[in-house]
Amino acid sequence: MKLLLEIQENQAPFVIELLSKFSFVKVQPFTNEKERILLGLDQAVEQVNEAKAGRIKLKSALQLLNEL
């Protein structure tokens, strides 16, 4: 199982050290690039969920192509 934790910057070293003490936990800090990609995916999923609930209307593929 993978978990994503958001930790205050000043507390991160302590939490990383603590978690790495457990043999069953693999600690892998995110790079800025990975964080940017995950945030983009999170926003995309949120938009899809809002569209399914009828709160927003998404553009069609044809509309997106016409914008290019």
PDB file of N, CA and C in Angstrom:
ATOM      1  N   MET A   1       0.853  -1.173   0.000  1.00  0.00           N
ATOM      2  CA  MET A   1       0.000   0.000   0.000  1.00  0.00           C
ATOM      3  C   MET A   1       0.894   1.229   0.000  1.00  0.00           C
ATOM      4  N   LYS A   2       0.487   2.223  -0.772  1.00  0.00           N
ATOM      5  CA  LYS A   2       1.228   3.477  -0.823  1.00  0.00           C
ATOM      6  C   LYS A   2       0.400   4.564  -0.172  1.00  0.00           C
ATOM      7  N   LEU A   3       1.080   5.423   0.583  1.00  0.00           N
ATOM      8  CA  LEU A   3       0.432   6.549   1.244  1.00  0.00           C
ATOM      9  C   LEU A   3       1.172   7.819   0.880  1.00  0.00           C
ATOM     10  N   LEU A   4       0.446   8.890   0.760  1.00  0.00           N
ATOM     11  CA  LEU A   4       1.034  10.199   0.507  1.00  0.00           C
ATOM     12  C   LEU A   4       0.778  11.037   1.751  1.00  0.00           C
ATOM     13  N   LEU A   5       1.855  11.524   2.363  1.00  0.00           N
ATOM     14  CA  LEU A   5       1.737  12.341   3.564  1.00  0.00           C
ATOM     15  C   LEU A   5       2.156  13.767   3.261  1.00  0.00           C
ATOM     16  N   GLU A   6       1.430  14.722   3.799  1.00  0.00           N
ATOM     17  CA  GLU A   6       1.825  16.122   3.685  1.00  0.00           C
ATOM     18  C   GLU A   6       2.284  16.569   5.063  1.00  0.00           C
ATOM     19  N   ILE A   7       3.539  16.950   5.148  1.00  0.00           N
ATOM     20  CA  ILE A   7       4.162  17.268   6.434  1.00  0.00           C
ATOM     21  C   ILE A   7       4.779  18.653   6.356  1.00  0.00           C
ATOM     22  N   GLN A   8       4.711  19.389   7.455  1.00  0.00           N
ATOM     23  CA  GLN A   8       5.345  20.700   7.495  1.00  0.00           C
ATOM     24  C   GLN A   8       6.832  20.549   7.185  1.00  0.00           C
ATOM     25  N   GLU A   9       7.360  21.500   6.428  1.00  0.00           N
ATOM     26  CA  GLU A   9       8.745  21.435   5.968  1.00  0.00           C
ATOM     27  C   GLU A   9       9.730  21.251   7.122  1.00  0.00           C
ATOM     28  N   ASN A  10       9.508  21.953   8.223  1.00  0.00           N
ATOM     29  CA  ASN A  10      10.454  21.870   9.340  1.00  0.00           C
ATOM     30  C   ASN A  10      10.361  20.548  10.102  1.00  0.00           C
ATOM     31  N   GLN A  11       9.286  19.791   9.933  1.00  0.00           N
ATOM     32  CA  GLN A  11       9.118  18.514  10.624  1.00  0.00           C
ATOM     33  C   GLN A  11       9.473  17.315   9.750  1.00  0.00           C
ATOM     34  N   ALA A  12       9.666  17.545   8.452  1.00  0.00           N
ATOM     35  CA  ALA A  12       9.910  16.452   7.509  1.00  0.00           C
ATOM     36  C   ALA A  12      11.127  15.593   7.861  1.00  0.00           C
ATOM     37  N   PRO A  13      12.281  16.175   8.187  1.00  0.00           N
ATOM     38  CA  PRO A  13      13.430  15.316   8.513  1.00  0.00           C
ATOM     39  C   PRO A  13      13.153  14.356   9.669  1.00  0.00           C
ATOM     40  N   PHE A  14      12.453  14.832  10.700  1.00  0.00           N
ATOM     41  CA  PHE A  14      12.124  13.984  11.841  1.00  0.00           C
ATOM     42  C   PHE A  14      11.228  12.825  11.426  1.00  0.00           C
ATOM     43  N   VAL A  15      10.183  13.125  10.651  1.00  0.00           N
ATOM     44  CA  VAL A  15       9.231  12.091  10.239  1.00  0.00           C
ATOM     45  C   VAL A  15       9.903  11.084   9.302  1.00  0.00           C
ATOM     46  N   ILE A  16      10.733  11.568   8.385  1.00  0.00           N
ATOM     47  CA  ILE A  16      11.446  10.673   7.476  1.00  0.00           C
ATOM     48  C   ILE A  16      12.366   9.743   8.254  1.00  0.00           C
ATOM     49  N   GLU A  17      13.088  10.289   9.216  1.00  0.00           N
ATOM     50  CA  GLU A  17      13.978   9.460  10.041  1.00  0.00           C
ATOM     51  C   GLU A  17      13.177   8.440  10.849  1.00  0.00           C
ATOM     52  N   LEU A  18      12.078   8.863  11.427  1.00  0.00           N
ATOM     53  CA  LEU A  18      11.244   7.967  12.220  1.00  0.00           C
ATOM     54  C   LEU A  18      10.698   6.821  11.380  1.00  0.00           C
ATOM     55  N   LEU A  19      10.133   7.136  10.221  1.00  0.00           N
ATOM     56  CA  LEU A  19       9.552   6.102   9.367  1.00  0.00           C
ATOM     57  C   LEU A  19      10.602   5.151   8.806  1.00  0.00           C
ATOM     58  N   SER A  20      11.795   5.659   8.544  1.00  0.00           N
ATOM     59  CA  SER A  20      12.835   4.797   7.980  1.00  0.00           C
ATOM     60  C   SER A  20      13.368   3.794   8.999  1.00  0.00           C
ATOM     61  N   LYS A  21      13.054   3.969  10.259  1.00  0.00           N
ATOM     62  CA  LYS A  21      13.462   3.017  11.301  1.00  0.00           C
ATOM     63  C   LYS A  21      12.667   1.707  11.214  1.00  0.00           C
ATOM     64  N   PHE A  22      11.493   1.757  10.601  1.00  0.00           N
ATOM     65  CA  PHE A  22      10.671   0.561  10.467  1.00  0.00           C
ATOM     66  C   PHE A  22      11.119  -0.220   9.237  1.00  0.00           C
ATOM     67  N   SER A  23      11.388  -1.515   9.411  1.00  0.00           N
ATOM     68  CA  SER A  23      11.884  -2.332   8.296  1.00  0.00           C
ATOM     69  C   SER A  23      10.816  -2.539   7.222  1.00  0.00           C
ATOM     70  N   PHE A  24       9.561  -2.393   7.560  1.00  0.00           N
ATOM     71  CA  PHE A  24       8.475  -2.631   6.607  1.00  0.00           C
ATOM     72  C   PHE A  24       8.011  -1.367   5.899  1.00  0.00           C
ATOM     73  N   VAL A  25       8.711  -0.239   6.136  1.00  0.00           N
ATOM     74  CA  VAL A  25       8.347   1.029   5.510  1.00  0.00           C
ATOM     75  C   VAL A  25       9.476   1.467   4.582  1.00  0.00           C
ATOM     76  N   LYS A  26       9.113   1.822   3.369  1.00  0.00           N
ATOM     77  CA  LYS A  26      10.076   2.357   2.406  1.00  0.00           C
ATOM     78  C   LYS A  26       9.777   3.839   2.251  1.00  0.00           C
ATOM     79  N   VAL A  27      10.750   4.673   2.569  1.00  0.00           N
ATOM     80  CA  VAL A  27      10.577   6.121   2.502  1.00  0.00           C
ATOM     81  C   VAL A  27      11.190   6.620   1.200  1.00  0.00           C
ATOM     82  N   GLN A  28      10.383   7.338   0.415  1.00  0.00           N
ATOM     83  CA  GLN A  28      10.863   7.885  -0.849  1.00  0.00           C
ATOM     84  C   GLN A  28      10.307   9.299  -1.000  1.00  0.00           C
ATOM     85  N   PRO A  29      11.091  10.306  -0.604  1.00  0.00           N
ATOM     86  CA  PRO A  29      10.612  11.690  -0.741  1.00  0.00           C
ATOM     87  C   PRO A  29      10.352  12.036  -2.205  1.00  0.00           C
ATOM     88  N   PHE A  30       9.385  12.906  -2.442  1.00  0.00           N
ATOM     89  CA  PHE A  30       9.040  13.335  -3.797  1.00  0.00           C
ATOM     90  C   PHE A  30       9.981  14.444  -4.246  1.00  0.00           C
ATOM     91  N   THR A  31      10.246  14.452  -5.521  1.00  0.00           N
ATOM     92  CA  THR A  31      10.942  15.589  -6.112  1.00  0.00           C
ATOM     93  C   THR A  31       9.887  16.614  -6.498  1.00  0.00           C
ATOM     94  N   ASN A  32      10.306  17.803  -6.820  1.00  0.00           N
ATOM     95  CA  ASN A  32       9.345  18.835  -7.232  1.00  0.00           C
ATOM     96  C   ASN A  32       8.574  18.406  -8.471  1.00  0.00           C
ATOM     97  N   GLU A  33       9.241  17.702  -9.381  1.00  0.00           N
ATOM     98  CA  GLU A  33       8.585  17.232 -10.603  1.00  0.00           C
ATOM     99  C   GLU A  33       7.493  16.223 -10.283  1.00  0.00           C
ATOM    100  N   LYS A  34       7.796  15.266  -9.411  1.00  0.00           N
ATOM    101  CA  LYS A  34       6.788  14.269  -9.030  1.00  0.00           C
ATOM    102  C   LYS A  34       5.605  14.938  -8.335  1.00  0.00           C
ATOM    103  N   GLU A  35       5.900  15.905  -7.484  1.00  0.00           N
ATOM    104  CA  GLU A  35       4.835  16.597  -6.771  1.00  0.00           C
ATOM    105  C   GLU A  35       3.940  17.356  -7.746  1.00  0.00           C
ATOM    106  N   ARG A  36       4.535  18.001  -8.741  1.00  0.00           N
ATOM    107  CA  ARG A  36       3.773  18.749  -9.729  1.00  0.00           C
ATOM    108  C   ARG A  36       2.861  17.813 -10.526  1.00  0.00           C
ATOM    109  N   ILE A  37       3.389  16.662 -10.904  1.00  0.00           N
ATOM    110  CA  ILE A  37       2.604  15.692 -11.669  1.00  0.00           C
ATOM    111  C   ILE A  37       1.441  15.166 -10.829  1.00  0.00           C
ATOM    112  N   LEU A  38       1.708  14.816  -9.578  1.00  0.00           N
ATOM    113  CA  LEU A  38       0.647  14.307  -8.710  1.00  0.00           C
ATOM    114  C   LEU A  38      -0.436  15.354  -8.456  1.00  0.00           C
ATOM    115  N   LEU A  39      -0.038  16.598  -8.278  1.00  0.00           N
ATOM    116  CA  LEU A  39      -1.033  17.648  -8.077  1.00  0.00           C
ATOM    117  C   LEU A  39      -1.896  17.821  -9.324  1.00  0.00           C
ATOM    118  N   GLY A  40      -1.284  17.725 -10.495  1.00  0.00           N
ATOM    119  CA  GLY A  40      -2.043  17.814 -11.743  1.00  0.00           C
ATOM    120  C   GLY A  40      -3.033  16.671 -11.874  1.00  0.00           C
ATOM    121  N   LEU A  41      -2.594  15.468 -11.533  1.00  0.00           N
ATOM    122  CA  LEU A  41      -3.490  14.312 -11.584  1.00  0.00           C
ATOM    123  C   LEU A  41      -4.632  14.461 -10.582  1.00  0.00           C
ATOM    124  N   ASP A  42      -4.309  14.962  -9.417  1.00  0.00           N
ATOM    125  CA  ASP A  42      -5.327  15.159  -8.384  1.00  0.00           C
ATOM    126  C   ASP A  42      -6.386  16.155  -8.866  1.00  0.00           C
ATOM    127  N   GLN A  43      -5.955  17.224  -9.503  1.00  0.00           N
ATOM    128  CA  GLN A  43      -6.901  18.211 -10.032  1.00  0.00           C
ATOM    129  C   GLN A  43      -7.752  17.608 -11.150  1.00  0.00           C
ATOM    130  N   ALA A  44      -7.137  16.783 -11.987  1.00  0.00           N
ATOM    131  CA  ALA A  44      -7.872  16.152 -13.086  1.00  0.00           C
ATOM    132  C   ALA A  44      -8.949  15.216 -12.545  1.00  0.00           C
ATOM    133  N   VAL A  45      -8.608  14.433 -11.546  1.00  0.00           N
ATOM    134  CA  VAL A  45      -9.579  13.516 -10.938  1.00  0.00           C
ATOM    135  C   VAL A  45     -10.715  14.305 -10.303  1.00  0.00           C
ATOM    136  N   GLU A  46     -10.387  15.402  -9.648  1.00  0.00           N
ATOM    137  CA  GLU A  46     -11.417  16.237  -9.029  1.00  0.00           C
ATOM    138  C   GLU A  46     -12.371  16.801 -10.085  1.00  0.00           C
ATOM    139  N   GLN A  47     -11.824  17.222 -11.238  1.00  0.00           N
ATOM    140  CA  GLN A  47     -12.675  17.737 -12.318  1.00  0.00           C
ATOM    141  C   GLN A  47     -13.594  16.649 -12.865  1.00  0.00           C
ATOM    142  N   VAL A  48     -13.078  15.451 -13.029  1.00  0.00           N
ATOM    143  CA  VAL A  48     -13.895  14.343 -13.522  1.00  0.00           C
ATOM    144  C   VAL A  48     -15.013  14.039 -12.531  1.00  0.00           C
ATOM    145  N   ASN A  49     -14.694  14.023 -11.250  1.00  0.00           N
ATOM    146  CA  ASN A  49     -15.707  13.761 -10.223  1.00  0.00           C
ATOM    147  C   ASN A  49     -16.780  14.850 -10.224  1.00  0.00           C
ATOM    148  N   GLU A  50     -16.377  16.111 -10.399  1.00  0.00           N
ATOM    149  CA  GLU A  50     -17.346  17.203 -10.445  1.00  0.00           C
ATOM    150  C   GLU A  50     -18.220  17.091 -11.699  1.00  0.00           C
ATOM    151  N   ALA A  51     -17.625  16.680 -12.818  1.00  0.00           N
ATOM    152  CA  ALA A  51     -18.399  16.514 -14.050  1.00  0.00           C
ATOM    153  C   ALA A  51     -19.408  15.382 -13.900  1.00  0.00           C
ATOM    154  N   LYS A  52     -18.986  14.281 -13.286  1.00  0.00           N
ATOM    155  CA  LYS A  52     -19.914  13.160 -13.066  1.00  0.00           C
ATOM    156  C   LYS A  52     -21.068  13.562 -12.166  1.00  0.00           C
ATOM    157  N   ALA A  53     -20.784  14.442 -11.197  1.00  0.00           N
ATOM    158  CA  ALA A  53     -21.833  14.894 -10.282  1.00  0.00           C
ATOM    159  C   ALA A  53     -22.691  15.979 -10.906  1.00  0.00           C
ATOM    160  N   GLY A  54     -22.312  16.451 -12.105  1.00  0.00           N
ATOM    161  CA  GLY A  54     -23.106  17.461 -12.799  1.00  0.00           C
ATOM    162  C   GLY A  54     -22.838  18.887 -12.357  1.00  0.00           C
ATOM    163  N   ARG A  55     -21.788  19.110 -11.595  1.00  0.00           N
ATOM    164  CA  ARG A  55     -21.483  20.467 -11.120  1.00  0.00           C
ATOM    165  C   ARG A  55     -20.732  21.294 -12.165  1.00  0.00           C
ATOM    166  N   ILE A  56     -19.993  20.628 -13.080  1.00  0.00           N
ATOM    167  CA  ILE A  56     -19.311  21.344 -14.157  1.00  0.00           C
ATOM    168  C   ILE A  56     -19.511  20.569 -15.457  1.00  0.00           C
ATOM    169  N   LYS A  57     -19.294  21.251 -16.580  1.00  0.00           N
ATOM    170  CA  LYS A  57     -19.392  20.613 -17.879  1.00  0.00           C
ATOM    171  C   LYS A  57     -18.012  20.656 -18.527  1.00  0.00           C
ATOM    172  N   LEU A  58     -17.510  19.500 -18.918  1.00  0.00           N
ATOM    173  CA  LEU A  58     -16.200  19.411 -19.539  1.00  0.00           C
ATOM    174  C   LEU A  58     -16.297  19.667 -21.033  1.00  0.00           C
ATOM    175  N   LYS A  59     -15.182  20.109 -21.626  1.00  0.00           N
ATOM    176  CA  LYS A  59     -15.129  20.327 -23.072  1.00  0.00           C
ATOM    177  C   LYS A  59     -15.014  18.990 -23.785  1.00  0.00           C
ATOM    178  N   SER A  60     -15.551  18.946 -24.989  1.00  0.00           N
ATOM    179  CA  SER A  60     -15.424  17.738 -25.803  1.00  0.00           C
ATOM    180  C   SER A  60     -14.035  17.707 -26.429  1.00  0.00           C
ATOM    181  N   ALA A  61     -13.650  16.543 -26.940  1.00  0.00           N
ATOM    182  CA  ALA A  61     -12.355  16.405 -27.597  1.00  0.00           C
ATOM    183  C   ALA A  61     -12.283  17.326 -28.808  1.00  0.00           C
ATOM    184  N   LEU A  62     -13.389  17.479 -29.526  1.00  0.00           N
ATOM    185  CA  LEU A  62     -13.429  18.345 -30.702  1.00  0.00           C
ATOM    186  C   LEU A  62     -13.193  19.810 -30.310  1.00  0.00           C
ATOM    187  N   GLN A  63     -13.784  20.232 -29.201  1.00  0.00           N
ATOM    188  CA  GLN A  63     -13.567  21.598 -28.729  1.00  0.00           C
ATOM    189  C   GLN A  63     -12.106  21.819 -28.375  1.00  0.00           C
ATOM    190  N   LEU A  64     -11.488  20.847 -27.743  1.00  0.00           N
ATOM    191  CA  LEU A  64     -10.072  20.966 -27.387  1.00  0.00           C
ATOM    192  C   LEU A  64      -9.190  21.043 -28.631  1.00  0.00           C
ATOM    193  N   LEU A  65      -9.506  20.220 -29.645  1.00  0.00           N
ATOM    194  CA  LEU A  65      -8.729  20.247 -30.886  1.00  0.00           C
ATOM    195  C   LEU A  65      -8.896  21.581 -31.610  1.00  0.00           C
ATOM    196  N   ASN A  66     -10.075  22.131 -31.584  1.00  0.00           N
ATOM    197  CA  ASN A  66     -10.323  23.415 -32.240  1.00  0.00           C
ATOM    198  C   ASN A  66      -9.543  24.558 -31.580  1.00  0.00           C
ATOM    199  N   GLU A  67      -9.256  24.433 -30.295  1.00  0.00           N
ATOM    200  CA  GLU A  67      -8.482  25.459 -29.599  1.00  0.00           C
ATOM    201  C   GLU A  67      -7.024  25.461 -30.037  1.00  0.00           C
ATOM    202  N   LEU A  68      -6.547  24.332 -30.558  1.00  0.00           N
ATOM    203  CA  LEU A  68      -5.167  24.255 -31.015  1.00  0.00           C
ATOM    204  C   LEU A  68      -5.042  24.960 -32.322  1.00  0.00           C
TER     205      LEU A  68
END
